[in-house]
Amino acid sequence: MMREEPTGMWTHEQAARYLGVQPQTLYYMNYTGKGPKSYKVGKYRRYRRRDIDAWLETHSSER
């Protein structure tokens, strides 16, 4: 299991690793508005695991 940062948020690279995609893919998903919820903290993008998990649930192939 991946550890969260002390802030409870993951870096872009950590989120991509958790999702099993390349960081560039996650950047593209954000750019097109199709990725998980993220937060802009200064010049960096951050993610919460609960937001990623919620996004995964809504994008399940099982309906």
Protein backbone atom coordinates (compact mmCIF):
# COMPACT_ATOMS: atom_id res chain seq x y z
CA MET A 1 0.00 0.00 0.00
CA MET A 2 1.28 3.47 -0.80
CA ARG A 3 1.91 5.91 1.99
CA GLU A 4 0.34 9.33 1.79
CA GLU A 5 2.39 12.43 2.37
CA PRO A 6 2.13 14.09 5.82
CA THR A 7 -0.49 16.41 4.30
CA GLY A 8 -2.63 13.39 3.40
CA MET A 9 -2.12 14.16 -0.27
CA TRP A 10 -0.20 12.41 -3.02
CA THR A 11 2.05 13.91 -5.62
CA HIS A 12 1.18 13.57 -9.29
CA GLU A 13 3.69 10.73 -9.65
CA GLN A 14 2.31 8.85 -6.64
CA ALA A 15 -1.24 9.15 -7.97
CA ALA A 16 -0.18 7.92 -11.41
CA ARG A 17 1.62 4.95 -9.84
CA TYR A 18 -1.48 4.09 -7.77
CA LEU A 19 -3.62 4.18 -10.91
CA GLY A 20 -1.07 2.16 -12.87
CA VAL A 21 -0.65 4.78 -15.59
CA GLN A 22 2.19 6.93 -16.80
CA PRO A 23 2.35 10.45 -15.29
CA GLN A 24 1.86 11.87 -18.81
CA THR A 25 -1.40 9.94 -19.10
CA LEU A 26 -2.65 11.41 -15.84
CA TYR A 27 -1.65 14.91 -17.02
CA TYR A 28 -3.69 14.35 -20.18
CA MET A 29 -6.66 13.06 -18.17
CA ASN A 30 -6.54 16.24 -16.08
CA TYR A 31 -6.18 18.42 -19.17
CA THR A 32 -9.28 16.90 -20.77
CA GLY A 33 -11.26 16.96 -17.51
CA LYS A 34 -11.58 13.17 -17.42
CA GLY A 35 -9.25 12.39 -14.52
CA PRO A 36 -9.76 12.15 -10.77
CA LYS A 37 -10.29 15.24 -8.66
CA SER A 38 -7.04 17.04 -7.94
CA TYR A 39 -5.93 20.16 -6.13
CA LYS A 40 -3.52 22.86 -7.20
CA VAL A 41 -1.17 23.57 -4.29
CA GLY A 42 1.20 26.33 -5.33
CA LYS A 43 2.53 25.20 -8.68
CA TYR A 44 1.97 21.51 -7.92
CA ARG A 45 -1.00 19.21 -8.46
CA ARG A 46 -1.99 17.03 -5.48
CA TYR A 47 -4.45 14.17 -5.04
CA ARG A 48 -6.28 12.54 -2.18
CA ARG A 49 -6.63 8.78 -2.24
CA ARG A 50 -10.32 8.97 -1.36
CA ASP A 51 -10.93 11.18 -4.42
CA ILE A 52 -9.06 8.76 -6.67
CA ASP A 53 -10.98 5.79 -5.25
CA ALA A 54 -14.30 7.62 -5.71
CA TRP A 55 -13.36 8.44 -9.30
CA LEU A 56 -12.48 4.79 -9.93
CA GLU A 57 -15.88 3.70 -8.64
CA THR A 58 -17.67 6.00 -11.07
CA HIS A 59 -15.57 4.72 -13.98
CA SER A 60 -16.09 1.04 -13.41
CA SER A 61 -16.81 -1.05 -16.50
CA GLU A 62 -19.47 -2.94 -14.51
CA ARG A 63 -22.81 -1.15 -14.48
